[in-house]
């Protein structure tokens, strides 16, 4: 059975104050020096999707999320459901 610490909480949001680009923040990996800034940016943005990825193979999951963000920032229209389906292999059950 996975532990609570075996997963990483994240949010994909659209930045509304600067570039209008989609970004991701991994909340459970924030350090004290960047926690407030990153949370403030996400809160000021437009929520798109949030969830958890498993800590196991997190690098592959993050790479996939970055690819999704690139596609969205280049104009591809994705729904939160499509994002969820694409990252399903990396999400806790």
PDB file of N, CA and C in Angstrom:
ATOM      1  N   UNK A   1       0.839  -1.175   0.000  1.00  0.00           N
ATOM      2  CA  UNK A   1       0.000   0.000   0.000  1.00  0.00           C
ATOM      3  C   UNK A   1       0.889   1.246   0.000  1.00  0.00           C
ATOM      4  N   UNK A   2       0.670   2.171  -0.954  1.00  0.00           N
ATOM      5  CA  UNK A   2       1.515   3.360  -1.016  1.00  0.00           C
ATOM      6  C   UNK A   2       1.255   4.298   0.163  1.00  0.00           C
ATOM      7  N   UNK A   3       2.302   4.975   0.543  1.00  0.00           N
ATOM      8  CA  UNK A   3       2.191   5.961   1.605  1.00  0.00           C
ATOM      9  C   UNK A   3       1.837   7.313   1.009  1.00  0.00           C
ATOM     10  N   UNK A   4       1.323   8.194   1.843  1.00  0.00           N
ATOM     11  CA  UNK A   4       0.992   9.551   1.423  1.00  0.00           C
ATOM     12  C   UNK A   4       2.212  10.240   0.811  1.00  0.00           C
ATOM     13  N   UNK A   5       3.390   9.960   1.331  1.00  0.00           N
ATOM     14  CA  UNK A   5       4.606  10.593   0.824  1.00  0.00           C
ATOM     15  C   UNK A   5       5.075  10.002  -0.507  1.00  0.00           C
ATOM     16  N   UNK A   6       4.419   8.952  -0.974  1.00  0.00           N
ATOM     17  CA  UNK A   6       4.790   8.326  -2.236  1.00  0.00           C
ATOM     18  C   UNK A   6       4.147   8.988  -3.446  1.00  0.00           C
ATOM     19  N   UNK A   7       3.476  10.114  -3.225  1.00  0.00           N
ATOM     20  CA  UNK A   7       2.867  10.811  -4.344  1.00  0.00           C
ATOM     21  C   UNK A   7       3.148  12.303  -4.254  1.00  0.00           C
ATOM     22  N   UNK A   8       3.067  12.945  -5.401  1.00  0.00           N
ATOM     23  CA  UNK A   8       3.401  14.354  -5.524  1.00  0.00           C
ATOM     24  C   UNK A   8       2.167  15.103  -6.018  1.00  0.00           C
ATOM     25  N   UNK A   9       1.755  16.114  -5.273  1.00  0.00           N
ATOM     26  CA  UNK A   9       0.592  16.912  -5.638  1.00  0.00           C
ATOM     27  C   UNK A   9       1.046  18.019  -6.599  1.00  0.00           C
ATOM     28  N   UNK A  10       0.262  18.217  -7.671  1.00  0.00           N
ATOM     29  CA  UNK A  10       0.616  19.245  -8.645  1.00  0.00           C
ATOM     30  C   UNK A  10      -0.634  19.944  -9.169  1.00  0.00           C
ATOM     31  N   UNK A  11      -0.409  21.073  -9.808  1.00  0.00           N
ATOM     32  CA  UNK A  11      -1.483  21.804 -10.474  1.00  0.00           C
ATOM     33  C   UNK A  11      -0.964  22.369 -11.783  1.00  0.00           C
ATOM     34  N   UNK A  12      -1.784  22.240 -12.818  1.00  0.00           N
ATOM     35  CA  UNK A  12      -1.529  22.903 -14.088  1.00  0.00           C
ATOM     36  C   UNK A  12      -2.444  24.125 -14.113  1.00  0.00           C
ATOM     37  N   UNK A  13      -1.871  25.265 -14.400  1.00  0.00           N
ATOM     38  CA  UNK A  13      -2.653  26.489 -14.439  1.00  0.00           C
ATOM     39  C   UNK A  13      -2.197  27.356 -15.604  1.00  0.00           C
ATOM     40  N   UNK A  14      -3.056  28.285 -15.975  1.00  0.00           N
ATOM     41  CA  UNK A  14      -2.699  29.237 -17.019  1.00  0.00           C
ATOM     42  C   UNK A  14      -2.363  30.551 -16.350  1.00  0.00           C
ATOM     43  N   UNK A  15      -1.183  31.033 -16.620  1.00  0.00           N
ATOM     44  CA  UNK A  15      -0.725  32.291 -16.048  1.00  0.00           C
ATOM     45  C   UNK A  15      -1.555  33.429 -16.648  1.00  0.00           C
ATOM     46  N   UNK A  16      -2.142  34.247 -15.806  1.00  0.00           N
ATOM     47  CA  UNK A  16      -2.998  35.326 -16.301  1.00  0.00           C
ATOM     48  C   UNK A  16      -2.359  36.701 -16.145  1.00  0.00           C
ATOM     49  N   UNK A  17      -1.300  36.809 -15.378  1.00  0.00           N
ATOM     50  CA  UNK A  17      -0.715  38.121 -15.130  1.00  0.00           C
ATOM     51  C   UNK A  17       0.490  38.439 -16.012  1.00  0.00           C
ATOM     52  N   UNK A  18       1.110  37.439 -16.621  1.00  0.00           N
ATOM     53  CA  UNK A  18       2.314  37.693 -17.407  1.00  0.00           C
ATOM     54  C   UNK A  18       2.143  37.230 -18.855  1.00  0.00           C
ATOM     55  N   UNK A  19       2.472  35.997 -19.123  1.00  0.00           N
ATOM     56  CA  UNK A  19       2.552  35.519 -20.496  1.00  0.00           C
ATOM     57  C   UNK A  19       1.307  34.813 -21.012  1.00  0.00           C
ATOM     58  N   UNK A  20       0.426  34.385 -20.131  1.00  0.00           N
ATOM     59  CA  UNK A  20      -0.742  33.623 -20.551  1.00  0.00           C
ATOM     60  C   UNK A  20      -0.421  32.171 -20.863  1.00  0.00           C
ATOM     61  N   UNK A  21       0.778  31.737 -20.507  1.00  0.00           N
ATOM     62  CA  UNK A  21       1.205  30.357 -20.777  1.00  0.00           C
ATOM     63  C   UNK A  21       0.722  29.414 -19.680  1.00  0.00           C
ATOM     64  N   UNK A  22       0.599  28.162 -20.074  1.00  0.00           N
ATOM     65  CA  UNK A  22       0.280  27.114 -19.104  1.00  0.00           C
ATOM     66  C   UNK A  22       1.549  26.732 -18.367  1.00  0.00           C
ATOM     67  N   UNK A  23       1.415  26.529 -17.074  1.00  0.00           N
ATOM     68  CA  UNK A  23       2.546  26.183 -16.216  1.00  0.00           C
ATOM     69  C   UNK A  23       2.106  25.091 -15.247  1.00  0.00           C
ATOM     70  N   UNK A  24       3.090  24.485 -14.605  1.00  0.00           N
ATOM     71  CA  UNK A  24       2.808  23.475 -13.593  1.00  0.00           C
ATOM     72  C   UNK A  24       3.579  23.813 -12.326  1.00  0.00           C
ATOM     73  N   UNK A  25       2.977  23.512 -11.202  1.00  0.00           N
ATOM     74  CA  UNK A  25       3.661  23.647  -9.923  1.00  0.00           C
ATOM     75  C   UNK A  25       3.485  22.319  -9.190  1.00  0.00           C
ATOM     76  N   UNK A  26       4.586  21.807  -8.652  1.00  0.00           N
ATOM     77  CA  UNK A  26       4.576  20.570  -7.871  1.00  0.00           C
ATOM     78  C   UNK A  26       4.620  20.972  -6.403  1.00  0.00           C
ATOM     79  N   UNK A  27       3.462  21.081  -5.797  1.00  0.00           N
ATOM     80  CA  UNK A  27       3.348  21.626  -4.449  1.00  0.00           C
ATOM     81  C   UNK A  27       4.170  20.874  -3.413  1.00  0.00           C
ATOM     82  N   UNK A  28       4.154  19.570  -3.447  1.00  0.00           N
ATOM     83  CA  UNK A  28       4.830  18.796  -2.409  1.00  0.00           C
ATOM     84  C   UNK A  28       6.348  18.784  -2.568  1.00  0.00           C
ATOM     85  N   UNK A  29       6.865  19.390  -3.626  1.00  0.00           N
ATOM     86  CA  UNK A  29       8.309  19.472  -3.807  1.00  0.00           C
ATOM     87  C   UNK A  29       8.848  20.876  -3.583  1.00  0.00           C
ATOM     88  N   UNK A  30       7.989  21.800  -3.205  1.00  0.00           N
ATOM     89  CA  UNK A  30       8.444  23.167  -2.978  1.00  0.00           C
ATOM     90  C   UNK A  30       9.294  23.239  -1.717  1.00  0.00           C
ATOM     91  N   UNK A  31      10.277  24.121  -1.759  1.00  0.00           N
ATOM     92  CA  UNK A  31      11.145  24.363  -0.616  1.00  0.00           C
ATOM     93  C   UNK A  31      10.710  25.672   0.042  1.00  0.00           C
ATOM     94  N   UNK A  32      11.203  25.926   1.236  1.00  0.00           N
ATOM     95  CA  UNK A  32      10.835  27.147   1.949  1.00  0.00           C
ATOM     96  C   UNK A  32      11.161  28.416   1.161  1.00  0.00           C
ATOM     97  N   UNK A  33      12.264  28.402   0.417  1.00  0.00           N
ATOM     98  CA  UNK A  33      12.680  29.618  -0.292  1.00  0.00           C
ATOM     99  C   UNK A  33      11.787  29.966  -1.487  1.00  0.00           C
ATOM    100  N   UNK A  34      11.043  29.007  -2.045  1.00  0.00           N
ATOM    101  CA  UNK A  34      10.203  29.312  -3.205  1.00  0.00           C
ATOM    102  C   UNK A  34       8.727  28.992  -2.996  1.00  0.00           C
ATOM    103  N   UNK A  35       8.378  28.494  -1.847  1.00  0.00           N
ATOM    104  CA  UNK A  35       7.011  28.050  -1.592  1.00  0.00           C
ATOM    105  C   UNK A  35       5.980  29.167  -1.790  1.00  0.00           C
ATOM    106  N   UNK A  36       6.156  30.283  -1.118  1.00  0.00           N
ATOM    107  CA  UNK A  36       5.170  31.365  -1.189  1.00  0.00           C
ATOM    108  C   UNK A  36       5.032  31.929  -2.599  1.00  0.00           C
ATOM    109  N   UNK A  37       6.152  32.132  -3.274  1.00  0.00           N
ATOM    110  CA  UNK A  37       6.124  32.686  -4.626  1.00  0.00           C
ATOM    111  C   UNK A  37       5.390  31.770  -5.586  1.00  0.00           C
ATOM    112  N   UNK A  38       5.720  30.500  -5.572  1.00  0.00           N
ATOM    113  CA  UNK A  38       5.110  29.549  -6.500  1.00  0.00           C
ATOM    114  C   UNK A  38       3.623  29.359  -6.215  1.00  0.00           C
ATOM    115  N   UNK A  39       3.253  29.291  -4.965  1.00  0.00           N
ATOM    116  CA  UNK A  39       1.836  29.142  -4.611  1.00  0.00           C
ATOM    117  C   UNK A  39       1.070  30.398  -5.015  1.00  0.00           C
ATOM    118  N   UNK A  40       1.642  31.563  -4.797  1.00  0.00           N
ATOM    119  CA  UNK A  40       0.992  32.816  -5.186  1.00  0.00           C
ATOM    120  C   UNK A  40       0.782  32.886  -6.696  1.00  0.00           C
ATOM    121  N   UNK A  41       1.766  32.466  -7.458  1.00  0.00           N
ATOM    122  CA  UNK A  41       1.626  32.449  -8.926  1.00  0.00           C
ATOM    123  C   UNK A  41       0.491  31.523  -9.356  1.00  0.00           C
ATOM    124  N   UNK A  42       0.457  30.348  -8.765  1.00  0.00           N
ATOM    125  CA  UNK A  42      -0.598  29.394  -9.126  1.00  0.00           C
ATOM    126  C   UNK A  42      -1.974  29.921  -8.731  1.00  0.00           C
ATOM    127  N   UNK A  43      -2.068  30.513  -7.554  1.00  0.00           N
ATOM    128  CA  UNK A  43      -3.355  31.042  -7.088  1.00  0.00           C
ATOM    129  C   UNK A  43      -3.832  32.213  -7.944  1.00  0.00           C
ATOM    130  N   UNK A  44      -2.901  32.998  -8.484  1.00  0.00           N
ATOM    131  CA  UNK A  44      -3.263  34.128  -9.332  1.00  0.00           C
ATOM    132  C   UNK A  44      -3.644  33.672 -10.740  1.00  0.00           C
ATOM    133  N   UNK A  45      -3.269  32.451 -11.089  1.00  0.00           N
ATOM    134  CA  UNK A  45      -3.542  31.927 -12.426  1.00  0.00           C
ATOM    135  C   UNK A  45      -4.922  31.314 -12.526  1.00  0.00           C
ATOM    136  N   UNK A  46      -5.215  30.858 -13.714  1.00  0.00           N
ATOM    137  CA  UNK A  46      -6.492  30.208 -14.011  1.00  0.00           C
ATOM    138  C   UNK A  46      -6.301  28.689 -13.906  1.00  0.00           C
ATOM    139  N   UNK A  47      -6.975  28.081 -12.949  1.00  0.00           N
ATOM    140  CA  UNK A  47      -6.842  26.645 -12.707  1.00  0.00           C
ATOM    141  C   UNK A  47      -7.248  25.860 -13.954  1.00  0.00           C
ATOM    142  N   UNK A  48      -6.452  24.840 -14.280  1.00  0.00           N
ATOM    143  CA  UNK A  48      -6.795  23.959 -15.395  1.00  0.00           C
ATOM    144  C   UNK A  48      -6.968  22.511 -14.930  1.00  0.00           C
ATOM    145  N   UNK A  49      -5.986  22.007 -14.192  1.00  0.00           N
ATOM    146  CA  UNK A  49      -6.034  20.602 -13.766  1.00  0.00           C
ATOM    147  C   UNK A  49      -5.160  20.438 -12.532  1.00  0.00           C
ATOM    148  N   UNK A  50      -5.591  19.588 -11.619  1.00  0.00           N
ATOM    149  CA  UNK A  50      -4.732  19.255 -10.482  1.00  0.00           C
ATOM    150  C   UNK A  50      -4.871  17.778 -10.176  1.00  0.00           C
ATOM    151  N   UNK A  51      -3.860  17.262  -9.526  1.00  0.00           N
ATOM    152  CA  UNK A  51      -3.885  15.854  -9.185  1.00  0.00           C
ATOM    153  C   UNK A  51      -2.587  15.429  -8.528  1.00  0.00           C
ATOM    154  N   UNK A  52      -2.352  14.133  -8.599  1.00  0.00           N
ATOM    155  CA  UNK A  52      -1.157  13.545  -8.005  1.00  0.00           C
ATOM    156  C   UNK A  52      -0.468  12.659  -9.024  1.00  0.00           C
ATOM    157  N   UNK A  53       0.851  12.612  -8.937  1.00  0.00           N
ATOM    158  CA  UNK A  53       1.628  11.615  -9.668  1.00  0.00           C
ATOM    159  C   UNK A  53       2.377  10.793  -8.630  1.00  0.00           C
ATOM    160  N   UNK A  54       2.674   9.565  -8.990  1.00  0.00           N
ATOM    161  CA  UNK A  54       3.460   8.715  -8.089  1.00  0.00           C
ATOM    162  C   UNK A  54       4.903   9.200  -8.040  1.00  0.00           C
ATOM    163  N   UNK A  55       5.505   9.111  -6.876  1.00  0.00           N
ATOM    164  CA  UNK A  55       6.918   9.471  -6.739  1.00  0.00           C
ATOM    165  C   UNK A  55       7.777   8.504  -7.556  1.00  0.00           C
ATOM    166  N   UNK A  56       7.335   7.252  -7.654  1.00  0.00           N
ATOM    167  CA  UNK A  56       8.024   6.260  -8.471  1.00  0.00           C
ATOM    168  C   UNK A  56       7.867   6.658  -9.937  1.00  0.00           C
ATOM    169  N   UNK A  57       8.942   6.831 -10.665  1.00  0.00           N
ATOM    170  CA  UNK A  57       8.965   7.247 -12.071  1.00  0.00           C
ATOM    171  C   UNK A  57       8.477   8.690 -12.242  1.00  0.00           C
ATOM    172  N   UNK A  58       8.715   9.519 -11.230  1.00  0.00           N
ATOM    173  CA  UNK A  58       8.251  10.900 -11.296  1.00  0.00           C
ATOM    174  C   UNK A  58       8.918  11.683 -12.422  1.00  0.00           C
ATOM    175  N   UNK A  59      10.161  11.351 -12.746  1.00  0.00           N
ATOM    176  CA  UNK A  59      10.844  12.070 -13.822  1.00  0.00           C
ATOM    177  C   UNK A  59      10.147  11.855 -15.165  1.00  0.00           C
ATOM    178  N   UNK A  60       9.707  10.627 -15.422  1.00  0.00           N
ATOM    179  CA  UNK A  60       8.978  10.343 -16.655  1.00  0.00           C
ATOM    180  C   UNK A  60       7.625  11.058 -16.649  1.00  0.00           C
ATOM    181  N   UNK A  61       6.970  11.091 -15.506  1.00  0.00           N
ATOM    182  CA  UNK A  61       5.680  11.776 -15.397  1.00  0.00           C
ATOM    183  C   UNK A  61       5.843  13.267 -15.641  1.00  0.00           C
ATOM    184  N   UNK A  62       6.876  13.853 -15.054  1.00  0.00           N
ATOM    185  CA  UNK A  62       7.115  15.284 -15.237  1.00  0.00           C
ATOM    186  C   UNK A  62       7.455  15.603 -16.691  1.00  0.00           C
ATOM    187  N   UNK A  63       8.194  14.728 -17.323  1.00  0.00           N
ATOM    188  CA  UNK A  63       8.532  14.925 -18.733  1.00  0.00           C
ATOM    189  C   UNK A  63       7.263  14.911 -19.587  1.00  0.00           C
ATOM    190  N   UNK A  64       6.364  13.989 -19.300  1.00  0.00           N
ATOM    191  CA  UNK A  64       5.106  13.916 -20.026  1.00  0.00           C
ATOM    192  C   UNK A  64       4.269  15.174 -19.785  1.00  0.00           C
ATOM    193  N   UNK A  65       4.215  15.640 -18.550  1.00  0.00           N
ATOM    194  CA  UNK A  65       3.464  16.863 -18.241  1.00  0.00           C
ATOM    195  C   UNK A  65       4.063  18.053 -18.983  1.00  0.00           C
ATOM    196  N   UNK A  66       5.388  18.125 -19.049  1.00  0.00           N
ATOM    197  CA  UNK A  66       6.035  19.212 -19.795  1.00  0.00           C
ATOM    198  C   UNK A  66       5.673  19.146 -21.280  1.00  0.00           C
ATOM    199  N   UNK A  67       5.603  17.947 -21.834  1.00  0.00           N
ATOM    200  CA  UNK A  67       5.212  17.795 -23.236  1.00  0.00           C
ATOM    201  C   UNK A  67       3.779  18.272 -23.445  1.00  0.00           C
ATOM    202  N   UNK A  68       2.911  17.956 -22.502  1.00  0.00           N
ATOM    203  CA  UNK A  68       1.517  18.407 -22.574  1.00  0.00           C
ATOM    204  C   UNK A  68       1.461  19.932 -22.518  1.00  0.00           C
ATOM    205  N   UNK A  69       2.226  20.536 -21.608  1.00  0.00           N
ATOM    206  CA  UNK A  69       2.248  21.995 -21.500  1.00  0.00           C
ATOM    207  C   UNK A  69       2.749  22.630 -22.796  1.00  0.00           C
ATOM    208  N   UNK A  70       3.777  22.060 -23.389  1.00  0.00           N
ATOM    209  CA  UNK A  70       4.304  22.579 -24.651  1.00  0.00           C
ATOM    210  C   UNK A  70       3.224  22.553 -25.721  1.00  0.00           C
ATOM    211  N   UNK A  71       2.524  21.452 -25.821  1.00  0.00           N
ATOM    212  CA  UNK A  71       1.443  21.347 -26.814  1.00  0.00           C
ATOM    213  C   UNK A  71       0.370  22.403 -26.568  1.00  0.00           C
ATOM    214  N   UNK A  72      -0.020  22.577 -25.311  1.00  0.00           N
ATOM    215  CA  UNK A  72      -1.055  23.548 -24.976  1.00  0.00           C
ATOM    216  C   UNK A  72      -0.566  24.974 -25.243  1.00  0.00           C
ATOM    217  N   UNK A  73       0.682  25.254 -24.916  1.00  0.00           N
ATOM    218  CA  UNK A  73       1.232  26.587 -25.140  1.00  0.00           C
ATOM    219  C   UNK A  73       1.439  26.892 -26.622  1.00  0.00           C
ATOM    220  N   UNK A  74       1.473  25.844 -27.431  1.00  0.00           N
ATOM    221  CA  UNK A  74       1.573  26.036 -28.884  1.00  0.00           C
ATOM    222  C   UNK A  74       0.201  26.104 -29.534  1.00  0.00           C
ATOM    223  N   UNK A  75      -0.861  26.058 -28.707  1.00  0.00           N
ATOM    224  CA  UNK A  75      -2.207  26.263 -29.234  1.00  0.00           C
ATOM    225  C   UNK A  75      -3.115  25.055 -29.265  1.00  0.00           C
ATOM    226  N   UNK A  76      -2.598  23.883 -28.931  1.00  0.00           N
ATOM    227  CA  UNK A  76      -3.461  22.699 -28.935  1.00  0.00           C
ATOM    228  C   UNK A  76      -4.475  22.811 -27.797  1.00  0.00           C
ATOM    229  N   UNK A  77      -5.719  22.560 -28.121  1.00  0.00           N
ATOM    230  CA  UNK A  77      -6.790  22.639 -27.127  1.00  0.00           C
ATOM    231  C   UNK A  77      -6.993  21.254 -26.508  1.00  0.00           C
ATOM    232  N   UNK A  78      -6.672  21.137 -25.246  1.00  0.00           N
ATOM    233  CA  UNK A  78      -6.876  19.895 -24.510  1.00  0.00           C
ATOM    234  C   UNK A  78      -7.861  20.156 -23.384  1.00  0.00           C
ATOM    235  N   UNK A  79      -8.606  19.140 -23.022  1.00  0.00           N
ATOM    236  CA  UNK A  79      -9.496  19.236 -21.876  1.00  0.00           C
ATOM    237  C   UNK A  79      -8.795  18.615 -20.666  1.00  0.00           C
ATOM    238  N   UNK A  80      -9.248  18.953 -19.465  1.00  0.00           N
ATOM    239  CA  UNK A  80      -8.674  18.296 -18.288  1.00  0.00           C
ATOM    240  C   UNK A  80      -8.813  16.765 -18.356  1.00  0.00           C
ATOM    241  N   UNK A  81      -9.885  16.292 -18.931  1.00  0.00           N
ATOM    242  CA  UNK A  81     -10.086  14.843 -19.057  1.00  0.00           C
ATOM    243  C   UNK A  81      -9.033  14.218 -19.970  1.00  0.00           C
ATOM    244  N   UNK A  82      -8.678  14.903 -21.044  1.00  0.00           N
ATOM    245  CA  UNK A  82      -7.634  14.394 -21.937  1.00  0.00           C
ATOM    246  C   UNK A  82      -6.283  14.347 -21.225  1.00  0.00           C
ATOM    247  N   UNK A  83      -5.986  15.373 -20.441  1.00  0.00           N
ATOM    248  CA  UNK A  83      -4.740  15.391 -19.675  1.00  0.00           C
ATOM    249  C   UNK A  83      -4.731  14.218 -18.697  1.00  0.00           C
ATOM    250  N   UNK A  84      -5.839  14.033 -18.001  1.00  0.00           N
ATOM    251  CA  UNK A  84      -5.943  12.929 -17.043  1.00  0.00           C
ATOM    252  C   UNK A  84      -5.696  11.586 -17.721  1.00  0.00           C
ATOM    253  N   UNK A  85      -6.254  11.387 -18.891  1.00  0.00           N
ATOM    254  CA  UNK A  85      -6.040  10.124 -19.612  1.00  0.00           C
ATOM    255  C   UNK A  85      -4.596   9.952 -20.039  1.00  0.00           C
ATOM    256  N   UNK A  86      -3.937  11.031 -20.421  1.00  0.00           N
ATOM    257  CA  UNK A  86      -2.553  10.933 -20.873  1.00  0.00           C
ATOM    258  C   UNK A  86      -1.586  10.614 -19.742  1.00  0.00           C
ATOM    259  N   UNK A  87      -1.872  11.067 -18.528  1.00  0.00           N
ATOM    260  CA  UNK A  87      -0.955  10.833 -17.415  1.00  0.00           C
ATOM    261  C   UNK A  87      -1.403   9.677 -16.518  1.00  0.00           C
ATOM    262  N   UNK A  88      -2.443   8.999 -16.913  1.00  0.00           N
ATOM    263  CA  UNK A  88      -3.032   7.928 -16.092  1.00  0.00           C
ATOM    264  C   UNK A  88      -2.011   6.890 -15.618  1.00  0.00           C
ATOM    265  N   UNK A  89      -1.045   6.558 -16.445  1.00  0.00           N
ATOM    266  CA  UNK A  89      -0.049   5.544 -16.081  1.00  0.00           C
ATOM    267  C   UNK A  89       0.820   5.979 -14.899  1.00  0.00           C
ATOM    268  N   UNK A  90       0.838   7.275 -14.601  1.00  0.00           N
ATOM    269  CA  UNK A  90       1.685   7.811 -13.541  1.00  0.00           C
ATOM    270  C   UNK A  90       0.910   8.258 -12.297  1.00  0.00           C
ATOM    271  N   UNK A  91      -0.400   8.085 -12.313  1.00  0.00           N
ATOM    272  CA  UNK A  91      -1.206   8.537 -11.184  1.00  0.00           C
ATOM    273  C   UNK A  91      -1.492   7.390 -10.211  1.00  0.00           C
ATOM    274  N   UNK A  92      -1.565   7.704  -8.926  1.00  0.00           N
ATOM    275  CA  UNK A  92      -1.876   6.664  -7.943  1.00  0.00           C
ATOM    276  C   UNK A  92      -3.307   6.163  -8.138  1.00  0.00           C
ATOM    277  N   UNK A  93      -3.513   4.928  -7.816  1.00  0.00           N
ATOM    278  CA  UNK A  93      -4.863   4.359  -7.967  1.00  0.00           C
ATOM    279  C   UNK A  93      -5.640   4.394  -6.677  1.00  0.00           C
TER     280      UNK A  93
END
